[in-house]
PDB file of N, CA and C in Angstrom:
ATOM      1  N   MET A   1      -0.174   4.828  18.788  1.00  0.00           N
ATOM      2  CA  MET A   1      -0.436   4.471  17.402  1.00  0.00           C
ATOM      3  C   MET A   1       0.286   5.446  16.469  1.00  0.00           C
ATOM      4  N   PHE A   2       0.779   4.938  15.380  1.00  0.00           N
ATOM      5  CA  PHE A   2       1.524   5.729  14.400  1.00  0.00           C
ATOM      6  C   PHE A   2       0.570   6.215  13.309  1.00  0.00           C
ATOM      7  N   ASP A   3       0.504   7.538  13.121  1.00  0.00           N
ATOM      8  CA  ASP A   3      -0.400   8.080  12.104  1.00  0.00           C
ATOM      9  C   ASP A   3       0.173   9.331  11.460  1.00  0.00           C
ATOM     10  N   TYR A   4       1.483   9.385  11.272  1.00  0.00           N
ATOM     11  CA  TYR A   4       2.107  10.555  10.655  1.00  0.00           C
ATOM     12  C   TYR A   4       1.987  10.483   9.137  1.00  0.00           C
ATOM     13  N   LYS A   5       1.868  11.639   8.534  1.00  0.00           N
ATOM     14  CA  LYS A   5       1.872  11.759   7.076  1.00  0.00           C
ATOM     15  C   LYS A   5       3.109  12.563   6.697  1.00  0.00           C
ATOM     16  N   TYR A   6       4.007  11.948   5.966  1.00  0.00           N
ATOM     17  CA  TYR A   6       5.243  12.598   5.563  1.00  0.00           C
ATOM     18  C   TYR A   6       5.149  13.123   4.130  1.00  0.00           C
ATOM     19  N   HIS A   7       5.851  14.218   3.872  1.00  0.00           N
ATOM     20  CA  HIS A   7       5.939  14.752   2.511  1.00  0.00           C
ATOM     21  C   HIS A   7       6.848  13.816   1.713  1.00  0.00           C
ATOM     22  N   ILE A   8       6.390  13.409   0.551  1.00  0.00           N
ATOM     23  CA  ILE A   8       7.149  12.480  -0.291  1.00  0.00           C
ATOM     24  C   ILE A   8       7.635  13.199  -1.541  1.00  0.00           C
ATOM     25  N   SER A   9       8.913  13.039  -1.852  1.00  0.00           N
ATOM     26  CA  SER A   9       9.498  13.554  -3.088  1.00  0.00           C
ATOM     27  C   SER A   9       9.655  12.402  -4.063  1.00  0.00           C
ATOM     28  N   LEU A  10       9.435  12.687  -5.342  1.00  0.00           N
ATOM     29  CA  LEU A  10       9.515  11.656  -6.370  1.00  0.00           C
ATOM     30  C   LEU A  10      10.549  12.028  -7.418  1.00  0.00           C
ATOM     31  N   ASP A  11      11.214  11.007  -7.928  1.00  0.00           N
ATOM     32  CA  ASP A  11      12.210  11.210  -8.969  1.00  0.00           C
ATOM     33  C   ASP A  11      12.095  10.038  -9.935  1.00  0.00           C
ATOM     34  N   TYR A  12      12.251  10.303 -11.216  1.00  0.00           N
ATOM     35  CA  TYR A  12      12.220   9.260 -12.239  1.00  0.00           C
ATOM     36  C   TYR A  12      13.654   9.008 -12.657  1.00  0.00           C
ATOM     37  N   GLN A  13      14.130   7.781 -12.497  1.00  0.00           N
ATOM     38  CA  GLN A  13      15.539   7.485 -12.752  1.00  0.00           C
ATOM     39  C   GLN A  13      15.698   6.376 -13.786  1.00  0.00           C
ATOM     40  N   THR A  14      16.894   6.321 -14.341  1.00  0.00           N
ATOM     41  CA  THR A  14      17.273   5.276 -15.278  1.00  0.00           C
ATOM     42  C   THR A  14      18.538   4.626 -14.766  1.00  0.00           C
ATOM     43  N   ASP A  15      18.515   3.274 -14.663  1.00  0.00           N
ATOM     44  CA  ASP A  15      19.715   2.593 -14.171  1.00  0.00           C
ATOM     45  C   ASP A  15      20.687   2.327 -15.316  1.00  0.00           C
ATOM     46  N   ALA A  16      21.792   1.672 -15.005  1.00  0.00           N
ATOM     47  CA  ALA A  16      22.852   1.436 -15.987  1.00  0.00           C
ATOM     48  C   ALA A  16      22.390   0.576 -17.160  1.00  0.00           C
ATOM     49  N   ASP A  17      21.350  -0.230 -16.941  1.00  0.00           N
ATOM     50  CA  ASP A  17      20.828  -1.089 -18.008  1.00  0.00           C
ATOM     51  C   ASP A  17      19.740  -0.412 -18.828  1.00  0.00           C
ATOM     52  N   GLY A  18      19.444   0.848 -18.532  1.00  0.00           N
ATOM     53  CA  GLY A  18      18.419   1.578 -19.269  1.00  0.00           C
ATOM     54  C   GLY A  18      17.009   1.396 -18.722  1.00  0.00           C
ATOM     55  N   GLU A  19      16.881   0.653 -17.633  1.00  0.00           N
ATOM     56  CA  GLU A  19      15.568   0.456 -17.010  1.00  0.00           C
ATOM     57  C   GLU A  19      15.166   1.729 -16.275  1.00  0.00           C
ATOM     58  N   GLN A  20      13.909   2.136 -16.445  1.00  0.00           N
ATOM     59  CA  GLN A  20      13.424   3.343 -15.788  1.00  0.00           C
ATOM     60  C   GLN A  20      12.472   2.974 -14.656  1.00  0.00           C
ATOM     61  N   TYR A  21      12.520   3.773 -13.597  1.00  0.00           N
ATOM     62  CA  TYR A  21      11.687   3.491 -12.434  1.00  0.00           C
ATOM     63  C   TYR A  21      11.530   4.763 -11.597  1.00  0.00           C
ATOM     64  N   TRP A  22      10.525   4.754 -10.748  1.00  0.00           N
ATOM     65  CA  TRP A  22      10.269   5.873  -9.835  1.00  0.00           C
ATOM     66  C   TRP A  22      10.951   5.608  -8.502  1.00  0.00           C
ATOM     67  N   VAL A  23      11.447   6.679  -7.879  1.00  0.00           N
ATOM     68  CA  VAL A  23      12.045   6.603  -6.550  1.00  0.00           C
ATOM     69  C   VAL A  23      11.287   7.582  -5.659  1.00  0.00           C
ATOM     70  N   ALA A  24      10.827   7.095  -4.517  1.00  0.00           N
ATOM     71  CA  ALA A  24      10.129   7.930  -3.543  1.00  0.00           C
ATOM     72  C   ALA A  24      10.996   8.057  -2.296  1.00  0.00           C
ATOM     73  N   THR A  25      11.134   9.277  -1.800  1.00  0.00           N
ATOM     74  CA  THR A  25      11.928   9.533  -0.598  1.00  0.00           C
ATOM     75  C   THR A  25      11.191  10.520   0.297  1.00  0.00           C
ATOM     76  N   THR A  26      11.664  10.652   1.518  1.00  0.00           N
ATOM     77  CA  THR A  26      11.127  11.632   2.446  1.00  0.00           C
ATOM     78  C   THR A  26      12.268  12.179   3.292  1.00  0.00           C
ATOM     79  N   LYS A  27      12.197  13.451   3.641  1.00  0.00           N
ATOM     80  CA  LYS A  27      13.275  14.080   4.408  1.00  0.00           C
ATOM     81  C   LYS A  27      13.384  13.510   5.819  1.00  0.00           C
ATOM     82  N   GLU A  28      12.272  13.076   6.373  1.00  0.00           N
ATOM     83  CA  GLU A  28      12.292  12.585   7.753  1.00  0.00           C
ATOM     84  C   GLU A  28      13.073  11.280   7.906  1.00  0.00           C
ATOM     85  N   PHE A  29      13.064  10.462   6.869  1.00  0.00           N
ATOM     86  CA  PHE A  29      13.811   9.201   6.855  1.00  0.00           C
ATOM     87  C   PHE A  29      14.742   9.236   5.648  1.00  0.00           C
ATOM     88  N   ARG A  30      15.829   9.978   5.761  1.00  0.00           N
ATOM     89  CA  ARG A  30      16.709  10.247   4.619  1.00  0.00           C
ATOM     90  C   ARG A  30      17.353   9.000   4.004  1.00  0.00           C
ATOM     91  N   THR A  31      17.509   7.947   4.769  1.00  0.00           N
ATOM     92  CA  THR A  31      18.182   6.757   4.241  1.00  0.00           C
ATOM     93  C   THR A  31      17.211   5.736   3.657  1.00  0.00           C
ATOM     94  N   LEU A  32      15.920   5.998   3.727  1.00  0.00           N
ATOM     95  CA  LEU A  32      14.932   5.047   3.220  1.00  0.00           C
ATOM     96  C   LEU A  32      14.410   5.496   1.860  1.00  0.00           C
ATOM     97  N   ILE A  33      14.212   4.525   0.966  1.00  0.00           N
ATOM     98  CA  ILE A  33      13.636   4.833  -0.342  1.00  0.00           C
ATOM     99  C   ILE A  33      12.610   3.771  -0.698  1.00  0.00           C
ATOM    100  N   GLY A  34      11.713   4.149  -1.585  1.00  0.00           N
ATOM    101  CA  GLY A  34      10.777   3.211  -2.183  1.00  0.00           C
ATOM    102  C   GLY A  34      10.935   3.305  -3.688  1.00  0.00           C
ATOM    103  N   THR A  35      10.815   2.197  -4.379  1.00  0.00           N
ATOM    104  CA  THR A  35      10.942   2.209  -5.835  1.00  0.00           C
ATOM    105  C   THR A  35       9.775   1.458  -6.453  1.00  0.00           C
ATOM    106  N   GLY A  36       9.516   1.763  -7.719  1.00  0.00           N
ATOM    107  CA  GLY A  36       8.458   1.065  -8.425  1.00  0.00           C
ATOM    108  C   GLY A  36       8.375   1.503  -9.869  1.00  0.00           C
ATOM    109  N   GLU A  37       7.676   0.706 -10.662  1.00  0.00           N
ATOM    110  CA  GLU A  37       7.480   1.045 -12.072  1.00  0.00           C
ATOM    111  C   GLU A  37       6.502   2.200 -12.225  1.00  0.00           C
ATOM    112  N   THR A  38       5.651   2.416 -11.217  1.00  0.00           N
ATOM    113  CA  THR A  38       4.692   3.522 -11.238  1.00  0.00           C
ATOM    114  C   THR A  38       4.901   4.365  -9.979  1.00  0.00           C
ATOM    115  N   ILE A  39       4.332   5.558  -9.999  1.00  0.00           N
ATOM    116  CA  ILE A  39       4.404   6.418  -8.809  1.00  0.00           C
ATOM    117  C   ILE A  39       3.760   5.728  -7.620  1.00  0.00           C
ATOM    118  N   ASP A  40       2.569   5.141  -7.835  1.00  0.00           N
ATOM    119  CA  ASP A  40       1.872   4.476  -6.733  1.00  0.00           C
ATOM    120  C   ASP A  40       2.698   3.339  -6.143  1.00  0.00           C
ATOM    121  N   GLU A  41       3.365   2.565  -6.992  1.00  0.00           N
ATOM    122  CA  GLU A  41       4.204   1.465  -6.495  1.00  0.00           C
ATOM    123  C   GLU A  41       5.363   2.000  -5.662  1.00  0.00           C
ATOM    124  N   ALA A  42       5.988   3.085  -6.112  1.00  0.00           N
ATOM    125  CA  ALA A  42       7.115   3.663  -5.365  1.00  0.00           C
ATOM    126  C   ALA A  42       6.655   4.199  -4.014  1.00  0.00           C
ATOM    127  N   ILE A  43       5.516   4.879  -3.981  1.00  0.00           N
ATOM    128  CA  ILE A  43       4.991   5.421  -2.727  1.00  0.00           C
ATOM    129  C   ILE A  43       4.594   4.292  -1.787  1.00  0.00           C
ATOM    130  N   THR A  44       3.929   3.270  -2.315  1.00  0.00           N
ATOM    131  CA  THR A  44       3.550   2.121  -1.489  1.00  0.00           C
ATOM    132  C   THR A  44       4.783   1.446  -0.912  1.00  0.00           C
ATOM    133  N   ASP A  45       5.810   1.266  -1.738  1.00  0.00           N
ATOM    134  CA  ASP A  45       7.057   0.644  -1.279  1.00  0.00           C
ATOM    135  C   ASP A  45       7.696   1.476  -0.169  1.00  0.00           C
ATOM    136  N   LEU A  46       7.737   2.795  -0.352  1.00  0.00           N
ATOM    137  CA  LEU A  46       8.305   3.664   0.686  1.00  0.00           C
ATOM    138  C   LEU A  46       7.499   3.564   1.974  1.00  0.00           C
ATOM    139  N   ASN A  47       6.179   3.545   1.867  1.00  0.00           N
ATOM    140  CA  ASN A  47       5.345   3.443   3.071  1.00  0.00           C
ATOM    141  C   ASN A  47       5.567   2.132   3.808  1.00  0.00           C
ATOM    142  N   VAL A  48       5.793   1.056   3.074  1.00  0.00           N
ATOM    143  CA  VAL A  48       6.098  -0.242   3.716  1.00  0.00           C
ATOM    144  C   VAL A  48       7.429  -0.140   4.464  1.00  0.00           C
ATOM    145  N   VAL A  49       8.434   0.428   3.814  1.00  0.00           N
ATOM    146  CA  VAL A  49       9.755   0.566   4.431  1.00  0.00           C
ATOM    147  C   VAL A  49       9.677   1.468   5.666  1.00  0.00           C
ATOM    148  N   ILE A  50       8.945   2.563   5.562  1.00  0.00           N
ATOM    149  CA  ILE A  50       8.778   3.453   6.724  1.00  0.00           C
ATOM    150  C   ILE A  50       8.068   2.708   7.846  1.00  0.00           C
ATOM    151  N   GLY A  51       7.047   1.921   7.510  1.00  0.00           N
ATOM    152  CA  GLY A  51       6.331   1.142   8.524  1.00  0.00           C
ATOM    153  C   GLY A  51       7.258   0.197   9.274  1.00  0.00           C
ATOM    154  N   ILE A  52       8.157  -0.466   8.565  1.00  0.00           N
ATOM    155  CA  ILE A  52       9.122  -1.364   9.199  1.00  0.00           C
ATOM    156  C   ILE A  52      10.056  -0.574  10.108  1.00  0.00           C
ATOM    157  N   ALA A  53      10.513   0.579   9.627  1.00  0.00           N
ATOM    158  CA  ALA A  53      11.403   1.420  10.435  1.00  0.00           C
ATOM    159  C   ALA A  53      10.695   1.905  11.698  1.00  0.00           C
ATOM    160  N   VAL A  54       9.446   2.312  11.571  1.00  0.00           N
ATOM    161  CA  VAL A  54       8.689   2.800  12.730  1.00  0.00           C
ATOM    162  C   VAL A  54       8.470   1.673  13.737  1.00  0.00           C
ATOM    163  N   GLU A  55       8.165   0.477  13.260  1.00  0.00           N
ATOM    164  CA  GLU A  55       8.007  -0.668  14.162  1.00  0.00           C
ATOM    165  C   GLU A  55       9.291  -0.896  14.964  1.00  0.00           C
ATOM    166  N   HIS A  56      10.440  -0.820  14.277  1.00  0.00           N
ATOM    167  CA  HIS A  56      11.731  -0.985  14.943  1.00  0.00           C
ATOM    168  C   HIS A  56      11.944   0.112  15.988  1.00  0.00           C
ATOM    169  N   LEU A  57      11.663   1.352  15.615  1.00  0.00           N
ATOM    170  CA  LEU A  57      11.837   2.463  16.546  1.00  0.00           C
ATOM    171  C   LEU A  57      10.939   2.301  17.770  1.00  0.00           C
ATOM    172  N   MET A  58       9.685   1.929  17.532  1.00  0.00           N
ATOM    173  CA  MET A  58       8.742   1.754  18.644  1.00  0.00           C
ATOM    174  C   MET A  58       9.173   0.603  19.553  1.00  0.00           C
ATOM    175  N   ALA A  59       9.597  -0.500  18.956  1.00  0.00           N
ATOM    176  CA  ALA A  59      10.008  -1.673  19.735  1.00  0.00           C
ATOM    177  C   ALA A  59      11.214  -1.369  20.610  1.00  0.00           C
ATOM    178  N   ASN A  60      12.018  -0.405  20.198  1.00  0.00           N
ATOM    179  CA  ASN A  60      13.221  -0.052  20.942  1.00  0.00           C
ATOM    180  C   ASN A  60      13.087   1.274  21.693  1.00  0.00           C
ATOM    181  N   ASN A  61      11.839   1.722  21.846  1.00  0.00           N
ATOM    182  CA  ASN A  61      11.551   2.975  22.560  1.00  0.00           C
ATOM    183  C   ASN A  61      12.379   4.148  22.047  1.00  0.00           C
ATOM    184  N   LEU A  62      12.523   4.210  20.734  1.00  0.00           N
ATOM    185  CA  LEU A  62      13.251   5.307  20.104  1.00  0.00           C
ATOM    186  C   LEU A  62      12.251   6.293  19.502  1.00  0.00           C
ATOM    187  N   PRO A  63      12.630   7.560  19.399  1.00  0.00           N
ATOM    188  CA  PRO A  63      11.681   8.550  18.872  1.00  0.00           C
ATOM    189  C   PRO A  63      11.386   8.342  17.387  1.00  0.00           C
ATOM    190  N   ILE A  64      10.144   8.576  17.028  1.00  0.00           N
ATOM    191  CA  ILE A  64       9.718   8.508  15.641  1.00  0.00           C
ATOM    192  C   ILE A  64       9.754   9.928  15.083  1.00  0.00           C
ATOM    193  N   PRO A  65      10.435  10.131  13.981  1.00  0.00           N
ATOM    194  CA  PRO A  65      10.496  11.497  13.421  1.00  0.00           C
ATOM    195  C   PRO A  65       9.107  12.042  13.120  1.00  0.00           C
ATOM    196  N   GLU A  66       8.869  13.261  13.553  1.00  0.00           N
ATOM    197  CA  GLU A  66       7.614  13.925  13.223  1.00  0.00           C
ATOM    198  C   GLU A  66       7.748  14.568  11.849  1.00  0.00           C
ATOM    199  N   PRO A  67       6.641  14.699  11.127  1.00  0.00           N
ATOM    200  CA  PRO A  67       6.710  15.354   9.814  1.00  0.00           C
ATOM    201  C   PRO A  67       7.275  16.761   9.933  1.00  0.00           C
ATOM    202  N   LEU A  68       8.172  17.094   9.017  1.00  0.00           N
ATOM    203  CA  LEU A  68       8.753  18.436   8.994  1.00  0.00           C
ATOM    204  C   LEU A  68       7.706  19.432   8.539  1.00  0.00           C
ATOM    205  N   GLN A  69       7.720  20.579   9.142  1.00  0.00           N
ATOM    206  CA  GLN A  69       6.814  21.646   8.741  1.00  0.00           C
ATOM    207  C   GLN A  69       7.542  22.523   7.740  1.00  0.00           C
ATOM    208  N   GLU A  70       7.109  22.482   6.513  1.00  0.00           N
ATOM    209  CA  GLU A  70       7.741  23.291   5.476  1.00  0.00           C
ATOM    210  C   GLU A  70       6.873  24.498   5.187  1.00  0.00           C
ATOM    211  N   GLU A  71       7.525  25.634   5.065  1.00  0.00           N
ATOM    212  CA  GLU A  71       6.800  26.844   4.718  1.00  0.00           C
ATOM    213  C   GLU A  71       6.444  26.803   3.241  1.00  0.00           C
ATOM    214  N   ALA A  72       5.199  27.148   2.964  1.00  0.00           N
ATOM    215  CA  ALA A  72       4.771  27.209   1.578  1.00  0.00           C
ATOM    216  C   ALA A  72       5.351  28.462   0.926  1.00  0.00           C
ATOM    217  N   PRO A  73       5.898  28.309  -0.268  1.00  0.00           N
ATOM    218  CA  PRO A  73       6.431  29.494  -0.947  1.00  0.00           C
ATOM    219  C   PRO A  73       5.288  30.443  -1.306  1.00  0.00           C
ATOM    220  N   LEU A  74       5.596  31.707  -1.300  1.00  0.00           N
ATOM    221  CA  LEU A  74       4.600  32.690  -1.693  1.00  0.00           C
ATOM    222  C   LEU A  74       4.397  32.604  -3.198  1.00  0.00           C
ATOM    223  N   ALA A  75       3.149  32.463  -3.604  1.00  0.00           N
ATOM    224  CA  ALA A  75       2.842  32.338  -5.021  1.00  0.00           C
ATOM    225  C   ALA A  75       2.312  33.662  -5.552  1.00  0.00           C
ATOM    226  N   SER A  76       2.866  34.082  -6.659  1.00  0.00           N
ATOM    227  CA  SER A  76       2.427  35.336  -7.269  1.00  0.00           C
ATOM    228  C   SER A  76       1.276  35.115  -8.244  1.00  0.00           C
ATOM    229  N   GLY A  77       1.050  33.850  -8.627  1.00  0.00           N
ATOM    230  CA  GLY A  77       0.035  33.574  -9.634  1.00  0.00           C
ATOM    231  C   GLY A  77       0.586  33.638 -11.046  1.00  0.00           C
ATOM    232  N   ARG A  78       1.890  33.797 -11.142  1.00  0.00           N
ATOM    233  CA  ARG A  78       2.525  33.902 -12.460  1.00  0.00           C
ATOM    234  C   ARG A  78       3.835  33.115 -12.454  1.00  0.00           C
ATOM    235  N   PHE A  79       4.078  32.365 -13.531  1.00  0.00           N
ATOM    236  CA  PHE A  79       5.366  31.721 -13.712  1.00  0.00           C
ATOM    237  C   PHE A  79       5.638  31.581 -15.202  1.00  0.00           C
ATOM    238  N   THR A  80       6.891  31.436 -15.544  1.00  0.00           N
ATOM    239  CA  THR A  80       7.301  31.344 -16.937  1.00  0.00           C
ATOM    240  C   THR A  80       7.846  29.944 -17.194  1.00  0.00           C
ATOM    241  N   VAL A  81       7.449  29.385 -18.327  1.00  0.00           N
ATOM    242  CA  VAL A  81       7.921  28.056 -18.710  1.00  0.00           C
ATOM    243  C   VAL A  81       8.511  28.158 -20.109  1.00  0.00           C
ATOM    244  N   ARG A  82       9.705  27.638 -20.293  1.00  0.00           N
ATOM    245  CA  ARG A  82      10.314  27.590 -21.621  1.00  0.00           C
ATOM    246  C   ARG A  82      10.119  26.181 -22.179  1.00  0.00           C
ATOM    247  N   THR A  83       9.715  26.113 -23.443  1.00  0.00           N
ATOM    248  CA  THR A  83       9.523  24.821 -24.101  1.00  0.00           C
ATOM    249  C   THR A  83      10.221  24.851 -25.454  1.00  0.00           C
ATOM    250  N   GLY A  84      10.302  23.694 -26.038  1.00  0.00           N
ATOM    251  CA  GLY A  84      10.812  23.618 -27.401  1.00  0.00           C
ATOM    252  C   GLY A  84       9.747  24.135 -28.368  1.00  0.00           C
ATOM    253  N   LYS A  85      10.162  24.491 -29.554  1.00  0.00           N
ATOM    254  CA  LYS A  85       9.235  25.049 -30.542  1.00  0.00           C
ATOM    255  C   LYS A  85       8.139  24.057 -30.924  1.00  0.00           C
ATOM    256  N   THR A  86       8.493  22.777 -31.027  1.00  0.00           N
ATOM    257  CA  THR A  86       7.514  21.768 -31.429  1.00  0.00           C
ATOM    258  C   THR A  86       6.416  21.637 -30.378  1.00  0.00           C
ATOM    259  N   LEU A  87       6.800  21.535 -29.112  1.00  0.00           N
ATOM    260  CA  LEU A  87       5.799  21.438 -28.049  1.00  0.00           C
ATOM    261  C   LEU A  87       4.957  22.700 -27.994  1.00  0.00           C
ATOM    262  N   HIS A  88       5.588  23.859 -28.117  1.00  0.00           N
ATOM    263  CA  HIS A  88       4.863  25.117 -28.105  1.00  0.00           C
ATOM    264  C   HIS A  88       3.799  25.133 -29.205  1.00  0.00           C
ATOM    265  N   GLN A  89       4.177  24.738 -30.412  1.00  0.00           N
ATOM    266  CA  GLN A  89       3.231  24.714 -31.531  1.00  0.00           C
ATOM    267  C   GLN A  89       2.105  23.726 -31.260  1.00  0.00           C
ATOM    268  N   GLN A  90       2.425  22.563 -30.709  1.00  0.00           N
ATOM    269  CA  GLN A  90       1.407  21.553 -30.409  1.00  0.00           C
ATOM    270  C   GLN A  90       0.402  22.096 -29.382  1.00  0.00           C
ATOM    271  N   LEU A  91       0.889  22.785 -28.364  1.00  0.00           N
ATOM    272  CA  LEU A  91      -0.002  23.351 -27.346  1.00  0.00           C
ATOM    273  C   LEU A  91      -0.899  24.433 -27.940  1.00  0.00           C
ATOM    274  N   ILE A  92      -0.344  25.253 -28.816  1.00  0.00           N
ATOM    275  CA  ILE A  92      -1.147  26.286 -29.485  1.00  0.00           C
ATOM    276  C   ILE A  92      -2.266  25.632 -30.297  1.00  0.00           C
ATOM    277  N   GLN A  93      -1.935  24.574 -31.031  1.00  0.00           N
ATOM    278  CA  GLN A  93      -2.937  23.892 -31.851  1.00  0.00           C
ATOM    279  C   GLN A  93      -4.020  23.257 -30.988  1.00  0.00           C
ATOM    280  N   GLU A  94      -3.636  22.661 -29.862  1.00  0.00           N
ATOM    281  CA  GLU A  94      -4.619  22.054 -28.965  1.00  0.00           C
ATOM    282  C   GLU A  94      -5.532  23.120 -28.364  1.00  0.00           C
ATOM    283  N   ALA A  95      -4.951  24.265 -27.998  1.00  0.00           N
ATOM    284  CA  ALA A  95      -5.749  25.361 -27.451  1.00  0.00           C
ATOM    285  C   ALA A  95      -6.746  25.867 -28.485  1.00  0.00           C
ATOM    286  N   GLU A  96      -6.272  26.074 -29.716  1.00  0.00           N
ATOM    287  CA  GLU A  96      -7.151  26.557 -30.787  1.00  0.00           C
ATOM    288  C   GLU A  96      -8.270  25.561 -31.077  1.00  0.00           C
ATOM    289  N   ALA A  97      -7.950  24.267 -31.038  1.00  0.00           N
ATOM    290  CA  ALA A  97      -8.962  23.244 -31.281  1.00  0.00           C
ATOM    291  C   ALA A  97     -10.059  23.283 -30.217  1.00  0.00           C
ATOM    292  N   ASP A  98      -9.702  23.717 -29.008  1.00  0.00           N
ATOM    293  CA  ASP A  98     -10.671  23.830 -27.920  1.00  0.00           C
ATOM    294  C   ASP A  98     -11.287  25.226 -27.838  1.00  0.00           C
ATOM    295  N   GLY A  99     -10.899  26.108 -28.762  1.00  0.00           N
ATOM    296  CA  GLY A  99     -11.436  27.456 -28.780  1.00  0.00           C
ATOM    297  C   GLY A  99     -10.954  28.317 -27.624  1.00  0.00           C
ATOM    298  N   LEU A 100      -9.728  28.057 -27.161  1.00  0.00           N
ATOM    299  CA  LEU A 100      -9.177  28.780 -26.013  1.00  0.00           C
ATOM    300  C   LEU A 100      -7.868  29.458 -26.392  1.00  0.00           C
ATOM    301  N   SER A 101      -7.517  30.474 -25.618  1.00  0.00           N
ATOM    302  CA  SER A 101      -6.175  31.030 -25.753  1.00  0.00           C
ATOM    303  C   SER A 101      -5.205  30.017 -25.165  1.00  0.00           C
ATOM    304  N   LEU A 102      -3.934  30.153 -25.490  1.00  0.00           N
ATOM    305  CA  LEU A 102      -2.935  29.240 -24.931  1.00  0.00           C
ATOM    306  C   LEU A 102      -2.938  29.322 -23.407  1.00  0.00           C
ATOM    307  N   ASN A 103      -3.017  30.531 -22.865  1.00  0.00           N
ATOM    308  CA  ASN A 103      -3.024  30.700 -21.416  1.00  0.00           C
ATOM    309  C   ASN A 103      -4.224  29.994 -20.779  1.00  0.00           C
ATOM    310  N   GLN A 104      -5.426  30.190 -21.347  1.00  0.00           N
ATOM    311  CA  GLN A 104      -6.626  29.546 -20.809  1.00  0.00           C
ATOM    312  C   GLN A 104      -6.516  28.021 -20.904  1.00  0.00           C
ATOM    313  N   TYR A 105      -5.987  27.550 -22.025  1.00  0.00           N
ATOM    314  CA  TYR A 105      -5.838  26.113 -22.216  1.00  0.00           C
ATOM    315  C   TYR A 105      -4.896  25.518 -21.171  1.00  0.00           C
ATOM    316  N   LEU A 106      -3.741  26.164 -20.963  1.00  0.00           N
ATOM    317  CA  LEU A 106      -2.782  25.651 -19.978  1.00  0.00           C
ATOM    318  C   LEU A 106      -3.347  25.716 -18.566  1.00  0.00           C
ATOM    319  N   LEU A 107      -4.098  26.757 -18.247  1.00  0.00           N
ATOM    320  CA  LEU A 107      -4.748  26.833 -16.932  1.00  0.00           C
ATOM    321  C   LEU A 107      -5.700  25.665 -16.740  1.00  0.00           C
ATOM    322  N   ARG A 108      -6.470  25.348 -17.782  1.00  0.00           N
ATOM    323  CA  ARG A 108      -7.407  24.227 -17.682  1.00  0.00           C
ATOM    324  C   ARG A 108      -6.659  22.904 -17.510  1.00  0.00           C
ATOM    325  N   VAL A 109      -5.611  22.709 -18.312  1.00  0.00           N
ATOM    326  CA  VAL A 109      -4.834  21.465 -18.224  1.00  0.00           C
ATOM    327  C   VAL A 109      -4.253  21.307 -16.821  1.00  0.00           C
ATOM    328  N   LEU A 110      -3.685  22.371 -16.279  1.00  0.00           N
ATOM    329  CA  LEU A 110      -3.109  22.309 -14.935  1.00  0.00           C
ATOM    330  C   LEU A 110      -4.174  22.064 -13.882  1.00  0.00           C
ATOM    331  N   ALA A 111      -5.319  22.712 -14.011  1.00  0.00           N
ATOM    332  CA  ALA A 111      -6.388  22.561 -13.023  1.00  0.00           C
ATOM    333  C   ALA A 111      -7.003  21.171 -13.054  1.00  0.00           C
ATOM    334  N   GLU A 112      -6.987  20.526 -14.212  1.00  0.00           N
ATOM    335  CA  GLU A 112      -7.622  19.214 -14.358  1.00  0.00           C
ATOM    336  C   GLU A 112      -6.664  18.048 -14.155  1.00  0.00           C
ATOM    337  N   ARG A 113      -5.404  18.340 -13.875  1.00  0.00           N
ATOM    338  CA  ARG A 113      -4.430  17.251 -13.766  1.00  0.00           C
ATOM    339  C   ARG A 113      -4.817  16.329 -12.616  1.00  0.00           C
ATOM    340  N   ASP A 114      -4.387  15.069 -12.729  1.00  0.00           N
ATOM    341  CA  ASP A 114      -4.665  14.118 -11.664  1.00  0.00           C
ATOM    342  C   ASP A 114      -3.566  14.194 -10.610  1.00  0.00           C
ATOM    343  N   THR A 115      -3.534  13.240  -9.696  1.00  0.00           N
ATOM    344  CA  THR A 115      -2.580  13.296  -8.589  1.00  0.00           C
ATOM    345  C   THR A 115      -1.182  12.861  -8.974  1.00  0.00           C
ATOM    346  N   HIS A 116      -0.996  12.369 -10.202  1.00  0.00           N
ATOM    347  CA  HIS A 116       0.345  11.970 -10.615  1.00  0.00           C
ATOM    348  C   HIS A 116       1.182  13.201 -10.917  1.00  0.00           C
ATOM    349  N   VAL A 117       2.446  13.074 -10.704  1.00  0.00           N
ATOM    350  CA  VAL A 117       3.349  14.186 -10.963  1.00  0.00           C
ATOM    351  C   VAL A 117       4.325  13.791 -12.053  1.00  0.00           C
ATOM    352  N   PRO A 118       4.801  14.761 -12.814  1.00  0.00           N
ATOM    353  CA  PRO A 118       5.758  14.446 -13.863  1.00  0.00           C
ATOM    354  C   PRO A 118       7.110  14.069 -13.290  1.00  0.00           C
ATOM    355  N   PRO A 119       7.999  13.496 -14.092  1.00  0.00           N
ATOM    356  CA  PRO A 119       9.323  13.118 -13.603  1.00  0.00           C
ATOM    357  C   PRO A 119      10.086  14.276 -12.969  1.00  0.00           C
ATOM    358  N   ARG A 120      10.919  13.930 -11.985  1.00  0.00           N
ATOM    359  CA  ARG A 120      11.868  14.826 -11.325  1.00  0.00           C
ATOM    360  C   ARG A 120      11.183  15.948 -10.550  1.00  0.00           C
ATOM    361  N   ILE A 121      10.027  15.650  -9.961  1.00  0.00           N
ATOM    362  CA  ILE A 121       9.366  16.638  -9.121  1.00  0.00           C
ATOM    363  C   ILE A 121       9.765  16.374  -7.685  1.00  0.00           C
ATOM    364  N   ALA A 122      10.294  17.364  -7.033  1.00  0.00           N
ATOM    365  CA  ALA A 122      10.658  17.244  -5.628  1.00  0.00           C
ATOM    366  C   ALA A 122      10.592  18.638  -5.023  1.00  0.00           C
ATOM    367  N   THR A 123      10.062  18.701  -3.832  1.00  0.00           N
ATOM    368  CA  THR A 123      10.012  19.985  -3.155  1.00  0.00           C
ATOM    369  C   THR A 123      10.914  19.938  -1.946  1.00  0.00           C
ATOM    370  N   GLY A 124      11.448  21.056  -1.609  1.00  0.00           N
ATOM    371  CA  GLY A 124      12.240  21.149  -0.387  1.00  0.00           C
ATOM    372  C   GLY A 124      13.700  21.150  -0.602  1.00  0.00           C
TER     373      GLY A 124
END
């Protein structure tokens, strides 16, 4: 039975007609992609494509790629982000409205984020 979980990278792209969409890829199956208007659609599409590829590999007694083991980067607990002045001012105002320092506000926002990722996030 096939039960591997692969690391998925996401990218937000724009085609020649100006249409925007998500692209999901994985290092284990470099030639396969999933696309969709939402992150969930792109991931679902990629999982369907991987499922078809795995069925083909199994039917032909070919090896199924195992998930790559990636080393987690060492985190110092500190990082620097540069923003435009307008966004910086907006974040300061939102923090003040919540009675927090900018640092506390950003920590809360990051800690409360959902499973969606912003455009052009990819690891590895």
